[in-house]
């Protein structure tokens, strides 16, 4: 029983180690190889910062409306 459990725990590590020899994917060839990955990361960062800023502004507007409603 212990041998089976040990084999089940060690098998994923062996499979992952063998998977490293695979051929490069299209992502590695096209984005990493041409240096475009930095542009992709920059665009994603700008989009996430824009969404975060928009949510922050909406929260402040809602807070002001709630405060005005409480005072009225």
Protein backbone atom coordinates (compact mmCIF):
# COMPACT_ATOMS: atom_id res chain seq x y z
CA UNK A 1 0.00 0.00 0.00
CA UNK A 2 2.81 2.41 0.89
CA UNK A 3 4.62 1.68 -2.38
CA UNK A 4 1.51 2.47 -4.39
CA UNK A 5 0.98 5.74 -2.55
CA UNK A 6 4.62 6.71 -3.01
CA UNK A 7 4.44 5.88 -6.71
CA UNK A 8 1.26 7.97 -7.07
CA UNK A 9 2.94 10.94 -5.38
CA UNK A 10 6.17 10.75 -7.39
CA UNK A 11 4.65 10.08 -10.82
CA UNK A 12 3.56 13.69 -11.58
CA UNK A 13 7.10 14.91 -10.91
CA UNK A 14 8.52 12.42 -13.37
CA UNK A 15 5.95 13.36 -16.00
CA UNK A 16 6.65 17.08 -15.56
CA UNK A 17 10.38 16.54 -15.86
CA UNK A 18 9.90 14.68 -19.15
CA UNK A 19 7.49 17.30 -20.50
CA UNK A 20 10.29 19.90 -20.50
CA UNK A 21 11.80 18.36 -23.65
CA UNK A 22 8.81 19.33 -25.79
CA UNK A 23 9.18 21.55 -28.84
CA UNK A 24 8.64 25.29 -28.32
CA UNK A 25 5.05 26.40 -28.67
CA UNK A 26 3.75 29.08 -30.99
CA UNK A 27 3.75 31.50 -28.06
CA UNK A 28 7.44 31.08 -27.46
CA UNK A 29 8.24 31.36 -31.16
CA UNK A 30 6.10 34.37 -31.93
CA UNK A 31 6.00 36.51 -28.79
CA UNK A 32 9.14 35.66 -26.86
CA UNK A 33 11.28 35.22 -29.95
CA UNK A 34 10.38 38.56 -31.49
CA UNK A 35 10.40 40.52 -28.24
CA UNK A 36 6.70 41.30 -28.49
CA UNK A 37 5.88 39.86 -25.07
CA UNK A 38 6.81 43.19 -23.45
CA UNK A 39 4.25 44.99 -25.61
CA UNK A 40 1.58 42.43 -24.72
CA UNK A 41 2.30 42.80 -21.01
CA UNK A 42 2.24 46.59 -21.30
CA UNK A 43 -1.15 46.57 -23.06
CA UNK A 44 -2.63 44.21 -20.46
CA UNK A 45 -1.24 46.38 -17.65
CA UNK A 46 -2.76 49.53 -19.17
CA UNK A 47 -6.13 47.82 -19.56
CA UNK A 48 -6.11 46.55 -15.96
CA UNK A 49 -5.04 49.95 -14.61
CA UNK A 50 -7.80 51.61 -16.64
CA UNK A 51 -10.43 49.25 -15.27
CA UNK A 52 -9.09 49.77 -11.74
CA UNK A 53 -9.19 53.55 -12.12
CA UNK A 54 -12.69 53.43 -13.51
CA UNK A 55 -13.89 51.27 -10.60
CA UNK A 56 -12.25 53.64 -8.11
CA UNK A 57 -14.01 56.64 -9.67
CA UNK A 58 -17.36 54.83 -9.68
CA UNK A 59 -16.92 53.95 -6.02
CA UNK A 60 -16.20 57.56 -5.12
CA UNK A 61 -19.22 58.77 -7.10
CA UNK A 62 -21.50 56.25 -5.42
CA UNK A 63 -20.18 57.21 -2.01
CA UNK A 64 -20.91 60.87 -2.70
CA UNK A 65 -24.43 60.03 -3.88
CA UNK A 66 -25.06 57.88 -0.79
CA UNK A 67 -23.79 60.66 1.51
CA UNK A 68 -26.01 63.20 -0.26
CA UNK A 69 -28.99 60.88 0.08
CA UNK A 70 -28.40 60.40 3.80
CA UNK A 71 -28.24 64.17 4.38
CA UNK A 72 -31.45 64.79 2.45
